[in-house]
C-alpha atoms as a PDB file:
ATOM      1  CA  MET A   1     -18.848 -32.120  -5.767  1.00  0.00           C
ATOM      2  CA  GLU A   2     -17.079 -32.184  -8.856  1.00  0.00           C
ATOM      3  CA  GLN A   3     -19.839 -31.266 -10.882  1.00  0.00           C
ATOM      4  CA  ASN A   4     -20.852 -28.016  -8.147  1.00  0.00           C
ATOM      5  CA  GLN A   5     -17.259 -27.283  -9.004  1.00  0.00           C
ATOM      6  CA  VAL A   6     -17.304 -27.389 -12.508  1.00  0.00           C
ATOM      7  CA  VAL A   7     -20.733 -25.434 -12.744  1.00  0.00           C
ATOM      8  CA  HIS A   8     -18.750 -22.457 -10.073  1.00  0.00           C
ATOM      9  CA  ALA A   9     -16.086 -22.466 -13.210  1.00  0.00           C
ATOM     10  CA  ASP A  10     -18.451 -22.193 -15.767  1.00  0.00           C
ATOM     11  CA  HIS A  11     -20.378 -19.354 -14.172  1.00  0.00           C
ATOM     12  CA  PHE A  12     -17.011 -17.352 -12.983  1.00  0.00           C
ATOM     13  CA  ASP A  13     -16.619 -14.399 -14.936  1.00  0.00           C
ATOM     14  CA  PRO A  14     -13.009 -12.976 -14.786  1.00  0.00           C
ATOM     15  CA  VAL A  15     -14.002  -9.728 -16.646  1.00  0.00           C
ATOM     16  CA  ALA A  16     -16.673  -8.817 -14.159  1.00  0.00           C
ATOM     17  CA  SER A  17     -14.456  -9.263 -10.881  1.00  0.00           C
ATOM     18  CA  LYS A  18     -11.927  -6.770 -12.894  1.00  0.00           C
ATOM     19  CA  ILE A  19     -14.598  -4.188 -13.379  1.00  0.00           C
ATOM     20  CA  GLY A  20     -15.336  -4.555  -9.650  1.00  0.00           C
ATOM     21  CA  MET A  21     -11.225  -4.106  -8.643  1.00  0.00           C
ATOM     22  CA  TRP A  22     -11.704  -1.186 -10.775  1.00  0.00           C
ATOM     23  CA  LEU A  23     -14.439   0.187  -8.883  1.00  0.00           C
ATOM     24  CA  PHE A  24     -13.143  -0.458  -5.844  1.00  0.00           C
ATOM     25  CA  ILE A  25      -9.382   1.505  -6.742  1.00  0.00           C
ATOM     26  CA  PHE A  26     -11.532   4.202  -7.721  1.00  0.00           C
ATOM     27  CA  THR A  27     -13.121   4.797  -4.254  1.00  0.00           C
ATOM     28  CA  GLU A  28      -9.909   4.763  -2.718  1.00  0.00           C
ATOM     29  CA  ILE A  29      -8.350   7.066  -5.406  1.00  0.00           C
ATOM     30  CA  LEU A  30     -11.441   9.183  -4.080  1.00  0.00           C
ATOM     31  CA  LEU A  31     -10.221   8.346  -0.322  1.00  0.00           C
ATOM     32  CA  PHE A  32      -7.117   9.690  -0.518  1.00  0.00           C
ATOM     33  CA  GLY A  33      -7.294  11.920  -2.724  1.00  0.00           C
ATOM     34  CA  GLY A  34      -9.361  13.773  -0.536  1.00  0.00           C
ATOM     35  CA  LEU A  35      -6.736  13.531   2.012  1.00  0.00           C
ATOM     36  CA  PHE A  36      -5.008  14.738  -0.547  1.00  0.00           C
ATOM     37  CA  ILE A  37      -6.654  18.004  -0.571  1.00  0.00           C
ATOM     38  CA  VAL A  38      -7.245  18.752   2.830  1.00  0.00           C
ATOM     39  CA  TYR A  39      -3.144  18.377   3.196  1.00  0.00           C
ATOM     40  CA  SER A  40      -2.842  20.858   0.570  1.00  0.00           C
ATOM     41  CA  VAL A  41      -5.433  23.387   1.975  1.00  0.00           C
ATOM     42  CA  TYR A  42      -3.544  22.974   5.468  1.00  0.00           C
ATOM     43  CA  ARG A  43      -0.406  23.270   4.636  1.00  0.00           C
ATOM     44  CA  PHE A  44      -1.458  26.606   2.569  1.00  0.00           C
ATOM     45  CA  LYS A  45      -2.619  27.424   5.680  1.00  0.00           C
ATOM     46  CA  HIS A  46       0.249  26.896   7.647  1.00  0.00           C
ATOM     47  CA  PRO A  47       3.710  26.992   5.524  1.00  0.00           C
ATOM     48  CA  VAL A  48       6.360  27.874   7.838  1.00  0.00           C
ATOM     49  CA  GLU A  49       4.915  24.974  10.586  1.00  0.00           C
ATOM     50  CA  PHE A  50       4.709  22.515   8.334  1.00  0.00           C
ATOM     51  CA  HIS A  51       8.362  22.963   6.961  1.00  0.00           C
ATOM     52  CA  LEU A  52       9.823  22.926  10.451  1.00  0.00           C
ATOM     53  CA  ALA A  53       7.657  19.569  10.956  1.00  0.00           C
ATOM     54  CA  ASN A  54       8.323  18.413   7.781  1.00  0.00           C
ATOM     55  CA  GLU A  55      12.119  18.828   9.343  1.00  0.00           C
ATOM     56  CA  GLU A  56      11.441  16.330  11.831  1.00  0.00           C
ATOM     57  CA  LEU A  57      10.730  13.142   8.803  1.00  0.00           C
ATOM     58  CA  SER A  58      13.883  10.952   7.874  1.00  0.00           C
ATOM     59  CA  VAL A  59      14.184  11.578   3.852  1.00  0.00           C
ATOM     60  CA  THR A  60      16.313   8.325   3.706  1.00  0.00           C
ATOM     61  CA  ILE A  61      13.979   6.080   5.471  1.00  0.00           C
ATOM     62  CA  GLY A  62      10.796   7.687   3.119  1.00  0.00           C
ATOM     63  CA  PHE A  63      13.238   6.849   0.035  1.00  0.00           C
ATOM     64  CA  ILE A  64      14.338   3.012   1.195  1.00  0.00           C
ATOM     65  CA  ASN A  65      10.501   2.354   1.760  1.00  0.00           C
ATOM     66  CA  THR A  66       9.721   3.606  -1.627  1.00  0.00           C
ATOM     67  CA  VAL A  67      12.166   1.657  -3.313  1.00  0.00           C
ATOM     68  CA  ILE A  68      10.928  -1.278  -1.878  1.00  0.00           C
ATOM     69  CA  LEU A  69       7.825  -1.058  -2.993  1.00  0.00           C
ATOM     70  CA  LEU A  70       8.594   0.028  -6.303  1.00  0.00           C
ATOM     71  CA  THR A  71      10.561  -2.872  -6.562  1.00  0.00           C
ATOM     72  CA  SER A  72       7.108  -4.879  -5.084  1.00  0.00           C
ATOM     73  CA  SER A  73       5.786  -3.511  -7.803  1.00  0.00           C
ATOM     74  CA  MET A  74       7.894  -4.946 -10.329  1.00  0.00           C
ATOM     75  CA  THR A  75       8.183  -8.510  -9.034  1.00  0.00           C
ATOM     76  CA  VAL A  76       3.776  -8.498  -7.961  1.00  0.00           C
ATOM     77  CA  ALA A  77       3.783  -7.517 -12.182  1.00  0.00           C
ATOM     78  CA  MET A  78       6.389  -9.924 -12.631  1.00  0.00           C
ATOM     79  CA  SER A  79       4.370 -12.633 -11.219  1.00  0.00           C
ATOM     80  CA  ILE A  80       1.721 -12.191 -13.568  1.00  0.00           C
ATOM     81  CA  SER A  81       3.508 -12.540 -16.628  1.00  0.00           C
ATOM     82  CA  ALA A  82       5.359 -15.651 -15.283  1.00  0.00           C
ATOM     83  CA  MET A  83       1.740 -17.531 -14.617  1.00  0.00           C
ATOM     84  CA  GLN A  84       0.470 -16.812 -18.045  1.00  0.00           C
ATOM     85  CA  LEU A  85       3.349 -18.176 -19.329  1.00  0.00           C
ATOM     86  CA  GLY A  86       2.381 -21.342 -17.676  1.00  0.00           C
ATOM     87  CA  ASN A  87       5.567 -21.045 -14.775  1.00  0.00           C
ATOM     88  CA  LYS A  88       4.373 -21.830 -11.738  1.00  0.00           C
ATOM     89  CA  LYS A  89       7.285 -22.120  -9.735  1.00  0.00           C
ATOM     90  CA  LEU A  90       8.562 -18.527 -10.937  1.00  0.00           C
ATOM     91  CA  THR A  91       4.895 -17.262 -10.205  1.00  0.00           C
ATOM     92  CA  LEU A  92       5.064 -18.175  -6.378  1.00  0.00           C
ATOM     93  CA  ILE A  93       9.068 -17.022  -5.847  1.00  0.00           C
ATOM     94  CA  MET A  94       7.740 -13.399  -7.270  1.00  0.00           C
ATOM     95  CA  LEU A  95       4.951 -13.245  -5.329  1.00  0.00           C
ATOM     96  CA  ALA A  96       7.033 -14.614  -2.084  1.00  0.00           C
ATOM     97  CA  VAL A  97       9.405 -11.863  -3.263  1.00  0.00           C
ATOM     98  CA  THR A  98       6.675  -9.631  -3.204  1.00  0.00           C
ATOM     99  CA  ILE A  99       5.413 -10.108   0.097  1.00  0.00           C
ATOM    100  CA  LEU A 100       8.700 -10.349   1.744  1.00  0.00           C
ATOM    101  CA  LEU A 101       9.607  -6.755   0.781  1.00  0.00           C
ATOM    102  CA  ALA A 102       5.724  -5.631   1.777  1.00  0.00           C
ATOM    103  CA  PHE A 103       7.493  -6.972   5.655  1.00  0.00           C
ATOM    104  CA  ALA A 104      10.380  -4.930   5.251  1.00  0.00           C
ATOM    105  CA  PHE A 105       8.323  -1.648   4.458  1.00  0.00           C
ATOM    106  CA  LEU A 106       5.835  -2.072   7.399  1.00  0.00           C
ATOM    107  CA  VAL A 107       9.512  -3.290   9.445  1.00  0.00           C
ATOM    108  CA  ASN A 108      10.368   0.408   8.033  1.00  0.00           C
ATOM    109  CA  LYS A 109       7.943   2.308   9.128  1.00  0.00           C
ATOM    110  CA  TYR A 110       7.757   0.513  12.880  1.00  0.00           C
ATOM    111  CA  PHE A 111      10.785   1.477  13.507  1.00  0.00           C
ATOM    112  CA  GLU A 112       9.915   5.446  11.824  1.00  0.00           C
ATOM    113  CA  TRP A 113       6.825   5.504  14.214  1.00  0.00           C
ATOM    114  CA  GLY A 114       8.636   4.584  16.943  1.00  0.00           C
ATOM    115  CA  ALA A 115      11.167   7.211  16.967  1.00  0.00           C
ATOM    116  CA  LYS A 116       8.552   9.866  16.439  1.00  0.00           C
ATOM    117  CA  PHE A 117       6.600   8.089  20.012  1.00  0.00           C
ATOM    118  CA  HIS A 118      10.434   7.942  21.390  1.00  0.00           C
ATOM    119  CA  HIS A 119      10.392  11.629  21.403  1.00  0.00           C
ATOM    120  CA  ASP A 120       6.316  11.774  22.314  1.00  0.00           C
ATOM    121  CA  ILE A 121       5.022  12.734  18.988  1.00  0.00           C
ATOM    122  CA  TYR A 122       2.122  11.192  18.370  1.00  0.00           C
ATOM    123  CA  PRO A 123      -1.630  11.983  18.067  1.00  0.00           C
ATOM    124  CA  GLY A 124      -2.568  13.093  21.833  1.00  0.00           C
ATOM    125  CA  SER A 125       0.671  13.509  23.416  1.00  0.00           C
ATOM    126  CA  ALA A 126       0.964  16.720  25.683  1.00  0.00           C
ATOM    127  CA  PHE A 127       4.170  17.193  23.708  1.00  0.00           C
ATOM    128  CA  LEU A 128       2.373  17.852  20.430  1.00  0.00           C
ATOM    129  CA  PHE A 129      -0.435  19.551  21.943  1.00  0.00           C
ATOM    130  CA  SER A 130       2.309  22.014  23.139  1.00  0.00           C
ATOM    131  CA  LEU A 131       3.215  22.794  19.554  1.00  0.00           C
ATOM    132  CA  SER A 132       1.310  25.376  16.901  1.00  0.00           C
ATOM    133  CA  LYS A 133      -1.768  24.570  15.478  1.00  0.00           C
ATOM    134  CA  GLY A 134       0.622  23.464  11.556  1.00  0.00           C
ATOM    135  CA  ASP A 135       2.449  21.212  13.195  1.00  0.00           C
ATOM    136  CA  MET A 136      -0.539  19.349  15.062  1.00  0.00           C
ATOM    137  CA  LEU A 137      -1.643  19.200  11.697  1.00  0.00           C
ATOM    138  CA  LEU A 138       0.978  18.066  10.244  1.00  0.00           C
ATOM    139  CA  PHE A 139       1.717  15.596  12.560  1.00  0.00           C
ATOM    140  CA  GLY A 140      -1.942  14.444  12.751  1.00  0.00           C
ATOM    141  CA  LEU A 141      -2.222  14.081   8.737  1.00  0.00           C
ATOM    142  CA  TYR A 142       1.222  12.158   8.623  1.00  0.00           C
ATOM    143  CA  PHE A 143       0.031   9.856  11.631  1.00  0.00           C
ATOM    144  CA  PHE A 144      -3.405   9.011  10.021  1.00  0.00           C
ATOM    145  CA  MET A 145      -2.313   8.745   6.103  1.00  0.00           C
ATOM    146  CA  THR A 146       0.735   6.388   6.567  1.00  0.00           C
ATOM    147  CA  GLY A 147      -1.192   4.937   9.186  1.00  0.00           C
ATOM    148  CA  MET A 148      -4.303   4.143   6.150  1.00  0.00           C
ATOM    149  CA  HIS A 149      -1.249   3.269   3.790  1.00  0.00           C
ATOM    150  CA  ALA A 150      -0.065   0.753   6.608  1.00  0.00           C
ATOM    151  CA  ILE A 151      -3.469  -0.793   7.118  1.00  0.00           C
ATOM    152  CA  HIS A 152      -4.049  -1.111   3.111  1.00  0.00           C
ATOM    153  CA  ILE A 153       0.079  -2.302   2.975  1.00  0.00           C
ATOM    154  CA  ILE A 154      -1.215  -5.326   5.808  1.00  0.00           C
ATOM    155  CA  VAL A 155      -4.455  -6.382   3.790  1.00  0.00           C
ATOM    156  CA  GLY A 156      -2.320  -6.568   0.181  1.00  0.00           C
ATOM    157  CA  VAL A 157      -0.090  -8.920   2.288  1.00  0.00           C
ATOM    158  CA  VAL A 158      -2.819 -11.030   3.571  1.00  0.00           C
ATOM    159  CA  LEU A 159      -4.261 -10.818  -0.157  1.00  0.00           C
ATOM    160  CA  LEU A 160      -1.315 -12.306  -1.602  1.00  0.00           C
ATOM    161  CA  LEU A 161      -0.806 -14.657   0.830  1.00  0.00           C
ATOM    162  CA  VAL A 162      -4.303 -16.241   0.142  1.00  0.00           C
ATOM    163  CA  ILE A 163      -3.308 -15.693  -3.378  1.00  0.00           C
ATOM    164  CA  PHE A 164      -0.136 -17.935  -2.568  1.00  0.00           C
ATOM    165  CA  PHE A 165      -1.674 -20.401  -1.352  1.00  0.00           C
ATOM    166  CA  LYS A 166      -4.530 -20.876  -4.305  1.00  0.00           C
ATOM    167  CA  ILE A 167      -1.515 -21.037  -7.077  1.00  0.00           C
ATOM    168  CA  ARG A 168       0.193 -23.711  -4.873  1.00  0.00           C
ATOM    169  CA  ASN A 169      -3.127 -25.777  -4.965  1.00  0.00           C
ATOM    170  CA  GLY A 170      -4.002 -25.290  -8.315  1.00  0.00           C
ATOM    171  CA  SER A 171      -7.268 -23.094  -8.030  1.00  0.00           C
ATOM    172  CA  VAL A 172      -5.404 -20.535  -9.751  1.00  0.00           C
ATOM    173  CA  ASN A 173      -3.854 -21.628 -12.517  1.00  0.00           C
ATOM    174  CA  GLN A 174      -2.449 -20.382 -15.862  1.00  0.00           C
ATOM    175  CA  ASN A 175      -6.220 -20.699 -17.674  1.00  0.00           C
ATOM    176  CA  ARG A 176      -7.904 -19.122 -14.240  1.00  0.00           C
ATOM    177  CA  TYR A 177      -5.903 -16.051 -13.135  1.00  0.00           C
ATOM    178  CA  SER A 178      -7.922 -13.286 -12.763  1.00  0.00           C
ATOM    179  CA  LEU A 179      -7.609 -13.167  -8.701  1.00  0.00           C
ATOM    180  CA  LEU A 180      -3.855 -12.508  -9.325  1.00  0.00           C
ATOM    181  CA  GLU A 181      -4.530  -9.537 -12.061  1.00  0.00           C
ATOM    182  CA  ASN A 182      -7.106  -8.288  -8.855  1.00  0.00           C
ATOM    183  CA  GLY A 183      -3.951  -8.762  -6.184  1.00  0.00           C
ATOM    184  CA  GLY A 184      -1.251  -6.931  -8.797  1.00  0.00           C
ATOM    185  CA  LEU A 185      -3.696  -4.104  -9.784  1.00  0.00           C
ATOM    186  CA  TYR A 186      -4.670  -3.964  -5.629  1.00  0.00           C
ATOM    187  CA  TRP A 187      -0.935  -3.773  -5.148  1.00  0.00           C
ATOM    188  CA  HIS A 188      -0.631  -0.932  -8.057  1.00  0.00           C
ATOM    189  CA  LEU A 189      -2.867   1.090  -5.790  1.00  0.00           C
ATOM    190  CA  VAL A 190      -0.672   0.429  -3.027  1.00  0.00           C
ATOM    191  CA  ASP A 191       2.341   1.870  -4.542  1.00  0.00           C
ATOM    192  CA  LEU A 192       1.031   4.485  -6.158  1.00  0.00           C
ATOM    193  CA  ILE A 193      -0.728   6.280  -2.741  1.00  0.00           C
ATOM    194  CA  TRP A 194       2.896   5.887  -1.872  1.00  0.00           C
ATOM    195  CA  ILE A 195       4.492   7.746  -4.863  1.00  0.00           C
ATOM    196  CA  PHE A 196       2.143  10.410  -3.546  1.00  0.00           C
ATOM    197  CA  LEU A 197       2.516  10.039   0.216  1.00  0.00           C
ATOM    198  CA  PHE A 198       6.541  10.036  -0.091  1.00  0.00           C
ATOM    199  CA  PRO A 199       6.949  13.791  -1.465  1.00  0.00           C
ATOM    200  CA  LEU A 200       4.312  15.031   0.176  1.00  0.00           C
ATOM    201  CA  PHE A 201       5.035  14.314   3.838  1.00  0.00           C
ATOM    202  CA  TYR A 202       9.204  13.727   3.141  1.00  0.00           C
ATOM    203  CA  LEU A 203      10.540  15.948   0.144  1.00  0.00           C
ATOM    204  CA  ILE A 204       8.272  18.784   0.179  1.00  0.00           C
ATOM    205  CA  HIS A 205       9.637  21.480   2.603  1.00  0.00           C
END
């Protein structure tokens, strides 16, 4: 059994895993890049409706979530630095803080979406169908794009939890921490996507 583990470790290529993660990130950028283009086209066609619909979104909640994700990006970077220095305890603390911040983001998003549902503003609602085409397009894109982003947050939390427990049991350590680096790259992608979503939906009027 120990021999198999040694062989597995010998054949583990951190460079290949990082290249694979960068390729995955590239496909995600293409996906959201396409959505950003769709948003831009519809906004150009329906500027007044998009302007009025944007005023229904809370800049305060959007700003708080931006601060949360930027802070989480810093803490995940600090966890990688701590691992490189061999500080396992600090690595786990920084990862735990990152995960807690992710949950804080999701809780904020839950209340934000809940408020929209309370006012019958959600895909397929009778109220939304009574509005203009521009309003329906804006809120359709809002729910789809922020929903996709929330799914990425959830996936990121699961990934970071897996990494957290692997660090605890020693399978991810100072000599072999590419999984932590890849998790950090994924988390930075999630933050980067939000940096574009925030001004598009909350700031541009």
